[in-house]
């Protein structure tokens, strides 16, 4: 099983980030997990070089409802950042929203490849990886 270099969790709820980190770590498909607490922090993280390079996470797990900059505002801003900051990242939206309009709105963004209700679990993670990074799917 191949490992991704890094992923980014974007959620204002610390307990949710903790749970998602535990699920991701137990699956073992990434070398690094970064966490930020809103869209503004995510933009700062993605556009700031660390050791001379942009962080370029392969997957961004994005919440919708957050203070300062929510998931929708993040997606609008994300479309306008330099391509070298994006590096083809896949965005997976994770939400507690039951509004079907949110799923439809998410599909308007090419970078959003997955839309799931929280919490993230092994089944949801396996489905996402099978769709976008099949080489990272854990053998049963």
C-alpha atoms as a PDB file:
ATOM      1  CA  UNK A   1       0.000   0.000   0.000  1.00  0.00           C
ATOM      2  CA  UNK A   2       1.365   3.392  -1.044  1.00  0.00           C
ATOM      3  CA  UNK A   3       1.323   6.256   1.471  1.00  0.00           C
ATOM      4  CA  UNK A   4       0.439   9.854   0.739  1.00  0.00           C
ATOM      5  CA  UNK A   5       2.859  12.535   1.883  1.00  0.00           C
ATOM      6  CA  UNK A   6       0.307  14.588   3.820  1.00  0.00           C
ATOM      7  CA  UNK A   7      -3.310  15.473   4.378  1.00  0.00           C
ATOM      8  CA  UNK A   8      -4.976  18.518   5.921  1.00  0.00           C
ATOM      9  CA  UNK A   9      -7.916  18.551   8.353  1.00  0.00           C
ATOM     10  CA  UNK A  10      -9.933  21.793   8.291  1.00  0.00           C
ATOM     11  CA  UNK A  11     -12.509  21.828  11.099  1.00  0.00           C
ATOM     12  CA  UNK A  12     -13.182  24.167  14.016  1.00  0.00           C
ATOM     13  CA  UNK A  13     -14.209  21.290  16.292  1.00  0.00           C
ATOM     14  CA  UNK A  14     -11.178  19.938  18.166  1.00  0.00           C
ATOM     15  CA  UNK A  15     -12.927  16.689  19.110  1.00  0.00           C
ATOM     16  CA  UNK A  16     -13.856  16.050  15.465  1.00  0.00           C
ATOM     17  CA  UNK A  17     -10.262  16.667  14.355  1.00  0.00           C
ATOM     18  CA  UNK A  18      -9.076  14.249  17.050  1.00  0.00           C
ATOM     19  CA  UNK A  19     -11.528  11.540  15.953  1.00  0.00           C
ATOM     20  CA  UNK A  20     -10.688  11.995  12.271  1.00  0.00           C
ATOM     21  CA  UNK A  21      -6.955  11.930  13.046  1.00  0.00           C
ATOM     22  CA  UNK A  22      -7.424   8.615  14.902  1.00  0.00           C
ATOM     23  CA  UNK A  23      -9.346   7.070  11.970  1.00  0.00           C
ATOM     24  CA  UNK A  24      -6.753   8.282   9.457  1.00  0.00           C
ATOM     25  CA  UNK A  25      -3.788   7.142  11.569  1.00  0.00           C
ATOM     26  CA  UNK A  26      -5.316   3.697  12.113  1.00  0.00           C
ATOM     27  CA  UNK A  27      -5.791   3.333   8.350  1.00  0.00           C
ATOM     28  CA  UNK A  28      -2.120   4.208   7.846  1.00  0.00           C
ATOM     29  CA  UNK A  29      -2.277   5.815   4.387  1.00  0.00           C
ATOM     30  CA  UNK A  30      -0.432   9.090   5.081  1.00  0.00           C
ATOM     31  CA  UNK A  31       2.897  10.151   6.514  1.00  0.00           C
ATOM     32  CA  UNK A  32       1.692  13.481   7.952  1.00  0.00           C
ATOM     33  CA  UNK A  33      -1.581  14.987   9.180  1.00  0.00           C
ATOM     34  CA  UNK A  34      -1.880  18.760   9.621  1.00  0.00           C
ATOM     35  CA  UNK A  35      -4.823  20.428  11.371  1.00  0.00           C
ATOM     36  CA  UNK A  36      -6.250  23.928  11.106  1.00  0.00           C
ATOM     37  CA  UNK A  37      -9.454  25.311  12.589  1.00  0.00           C
ATOM     38  CA  UNK A  38     -11.049  27.359   9.818  1.00  0.00           C
ATOM     39  CA  UNK A  39     -10.750  28.254   6.154  1.00  0.00           C
ATOM     40  CA  UNK A  40      -8.544  31.279   6.845  1.00  0.00           C
ATOM     41  CA  UNK A  41      -5.982  29.134   8.686  1.00  0.00           C
ATOM     42  CA  UNK A  42      -6.158  26.632   5.822  1.00  0.00           C
ATOM     43  CA  UNK A  43      -5.395  29.353   3.259  1.00  0.00           C
ATOM     44  CA  UNK A  44      -2.451  30.575   5.351  1.00  0.00           C
ATOM     45  CA  UNK A  45      -1.160  27.018   5.694  1.00  0.00           C
ATOM     46  CA  UNK A  46      -1.434  26.261   1.959  1.00  0.00           C
ATOM     47  CA  UNK A  47       0.191  29.495   0.792  1.00  0.00           C
ATOM     48  CA  UNK A  48       3.151  29.647   3.190  1.00  0.00           C
ATOM     49  CA  UNK A  49       6.374  27.858   2.311  1.00  0.00           C
ATOM     50  CA  UNK A  50       7.833  25.495   4.901  1.00  0.00           C
ATOM     51  CA  UNK A  51      11.526  24.715   4.408  1.00  0.00           C
ATOM     52  CA  UNK A  52      11.302  26.373   0.978  1.00  0.00           C
ATOM     53  CA  UNK A  53       8.282  24.385  -0.247  1.00  0.00           C
ATOM     54  CA  UNK A  54       4.517  24.710  -0.094  1.00  0.00           C
ATOM     55  CA  UNK A  55       2.975  21.936   2.062  1.00  0.00           C
ATOM     56  CA  UNK A  56       0.756  20.588  -0.788  1.00  0.00           C
ATOM     57  CA  UNK A  57      -1.434  18.055   1.028  1.00  0.00           C
ATOM     58  CA  UNK A  58      -2.882  15.436  -1.295  1.00  0.00           C
ATOM     59  CA  UNK A  59      -6.252  15.436   0.498  1.00  0.00           C
ATOM     60  CA  UNK A  60      -7.981  18.294   2.296  1.00  0.00           C
ATOM     61  CA  UNK A  61     -10.828  17.212   4.589  1.00  0.00           C
ATOM     62  CA  UNK A  62     -13.022  20.314   4.745  1.00  0.00           C
ATOM     63  CA  UNK A  63     -15.857  21.191   7.121  1.00  0.00           C
ATOM     64  CA  UNK A  64     -18.583  23.565   5.905  1.00  0.00           C
ATOM     65  CA  UNK A  65     -19.674  25.439   9.027  1.00  0.00           C
ATOM     66  CA  UNK A  66     -16.728  27.249  10.643  1.00  0.00           C
ATOM     67  CA  UNK A  67     -16.101  30.738  12.033  1.00  0.00           C
ATOM     68  CA  UNK A  68     -14.067  33.421  10.202  1.00  0.00           C
ATOM     69  CA  UNK A  69     -14.000  31.592   6.840  1.00  0.00           C
ATOM     70  CA  UNK A  70     -16.394  28.698   6.254  1.00  0.00           C
ATOM     71  CA  UNK A  71     -15.943  25.843   3.794  1.00  0.00           C
ATOM     72  CA  UNK A  72     -17.715  27.644   0.937  1.00  0.00           C
ATOM     73  CA  UNK A  73     -15.628  30.797   1.403  1.00  0.00           C
ATOM     74  CA  UNK A  74     -12.516  28.614   1.510  1.00  0.00           C
ATOM     75  CA  UNK A  75     -13.452  26.978  -1.801  1.00  0.00           C
ATOM     76  CA  UNK A  76     -13.923  30.403  -3.423  1.00  0.00           C
ATOM     77  CA  UNK A  77     -10.514  31.560  -2.161  1.00  0.00           C
ATOM     78  CA  UNK A  78      -8.886  28.217  -3.012  1.00  0.00           C
ATOM     79  CA  UNK A  79      -9.832  28.592  -6.662  1.00  0.00           C
ATOM     80  CA  UNK A  80      -7.700  31.748  -6.823  1.00  0.00           C
ATOM     81  CA  UNK A  81      -4.480  30.608  -5.170  1.00  0.00           C
ATOM     82  CA  UNK A  82      -1.389  29.762  -7.193  1.00  0.00           C
ATOM     83  CA  UNK A  83      -1.411  26.288  -8.795  1.00  0.00           C
ATOM     84  CA  UNK A  84       1.847  25.374  -7.023  1.00  0.00           C
ATOM     85  CA  UNK A  85       0.040  25.807  -3.683  1.00  0.00           C
ATOM     86  CA  UNK A  86      -2.731  23.415  -4.731  1.00  0.00           C
ATOM     87  CA  UNK A  87      -0.649  20.709  -6.405  1.00  0.00           C
ATOM     88  CA  UNK A  88      -3.771  18.822  -7.441  1.00  0.00           C
ATOM     89  CA  UNK A  89      -5.142  18.362  -3.938  1.00  0.00           C
ATOM     90  CA  UNK A  90      -8.401  16.486  -3.607  1.00  0.00           C
ATOM     91  CA  UNK A  91     -11.005  18.080  -1.344  1.00  0.00           C
ATOM     92  CA  UNK A  92     -13.325  15.867   0.664  1.00  0.00           C
ATOM     93  CA  UNK A  93     -16.119  17.756   2.378  1.00  0.00           C
ATOM     94  CA  UNK A  94     -17.160  16.409   5.753  1.00  0.00           C
ATOM     95  CA  UNK A  95     -20.228  17.963   7.313  1.00  0.00           C
ATOM     96  CA  UNK A  96     -23.077  17.538   9.748  1.00  0.00           C
ATOM     97  CA  UNK A  97     -25.329  19.360   7.275  1.00  0.00           C
ATOM     98  CA  UNK A  98     -28.337  17.400   6.085  1.00  0.00           C
ATOM     99  CA  UNK A  99     -29.211  20.036   3.487  1.00  0.00           C
ATOM    100  CA  UNK A 100     -29.251  18.381   0.016  1.00  0.00           C
ATOM    101  CA  UNK A 101     -28.391  21.788  -1.490  1.00  0.00           C
ATOM    102  CA  UNK A 102     -24.954  21.544   0.145  1.00  0.00           C
ATOM    103  CA  UNK A 103     -24.154  18.306  -1.705  1.00  0.00           C
ATOM    104  CA  UNK A 104     -25.306  19.892  -4.952  1.00  0.00           C
ATOM    105  CA  UNK A 105     -23.298  23.063  -4.337  1.00  0.00           C
ATOM    106  CA  UNK A 106     -20.171  21.006  -3.550  1.00  0.00           C
ATOM    107  CA  UNK A 107     -20.476  19.249  -6.903  1.00  0.00           C
ATOM    108  CA  UNK A 108     -20.057  22.643  -8.622  1.00  0.00           C
ATOM    109  CA  UNK A 109     -16.377  22.628  -7.582  1.00  0.00           C
ATOM    110  CA  UNK A 110     -14.048  20.433  -9.644  1.00  0.00           C
ATOM    111  CA  UNK A 111     -11.634  20.062  -6.722  1.00  0.00           C
ATOM    112  CA  UNK A 112     -14.337  18.538  -4.467  1.00  0.00           C
ATOM    113  CA  UNK A 113     -14.219  14.802  -5.081  1.00  0.00           C
ATOM    114  CA  UNK A 114     -16.136  13.573  -2.057  1.00  0.00           C
ATOM    115  CA  UNK A 115     -18.998  14.748   0.169  1.00  0.00           C
ATOM    116  CA  UNK A 116     -19.766  12.801   3.333  1.00  0.00           C
ATOM    117  CA  UNK A 117     -21.563  13.286   6.596  1.00  0.00           C
ATOM    118  CA  UNK A 118     -19.434  13.308   9.723  1.00  0.00           C
ATOM    119  CA  UNK A 119     -17.863  11.467  11.280  1.00  0.00           C
ATOM    120  CA  UNK A 120     -15.236  10.039   8.979  1.00  0.00           C
ATOM    121  CA  UNK A 121     -14.889   6.278   9.416  1.00  0.00           C
ATOM    122  CA  UNK A 122     -12.926   3.464   7.758  1.00  0.00           C
ATOM    123  CA  UNK A 123     -15.683   2.729   5.227  1.00  0.00           C
ATOM    124  CA  UNK A 124     -15.956   6.365   4.098  1.00  0.00           C
ATOM    125  CA  UNK A 125     -12.183   6.646   3.971  1.00  0.00           C
ATOM    126  CA  UNK A 126     -11.846   3.428   1.940  1.00  0.00           C
ATOM    127  CA  UNK A 127     -14.450   4.689  -0.541  1.00  0.00           C
ATOM    128  CA  UNK A 128     -12.669   8.024  -0.971  1.00  0.00           C
ATOM    129  CA  UNK A 129      -9.277   6.375  -1.423  1.00  0.00           C
ATOM    130  CA  UNK A 130     -10.672   3.823  -3.889  1.00  0.00           C
ATOM    131  CA  UNK A 131     -12.059   6.705  -5.958  1.00  0.00           C
ATOM    132  CA  UNK A 132      -9.040   9.026  -5.959  1.00  0.00           C
ATOM    133  CA  UNK A 133      -5.974   7.171  -4.643  1.00  0.00           C
ATOM    134  CA  UNK A 134      -6.623   3.439  -5.256  1.00  0.00           C
ATOM    135  CA  UNK A 135      -2.961   2.633  -4.638  1.00  0.00           C
ATOM    136  CA  UNK A 136      -3.515   3.684  -0.991  1.00  0.00           C
ATOM    137  CA  UNK A 137      -6.419   1.318  -0.282  1.00  0.00           C
ATOM    138  CA  UNK A 138      -5.661  -1.065   2.530  1.00  0.00           C
ATOM    139  CA  UNK A 139      -5.810  -4.731   1.545  1.00  0.00           C
ATOM    140  CA  UNK A 140      -8.503  -6.562   3.472  1.00  0.00           C
END
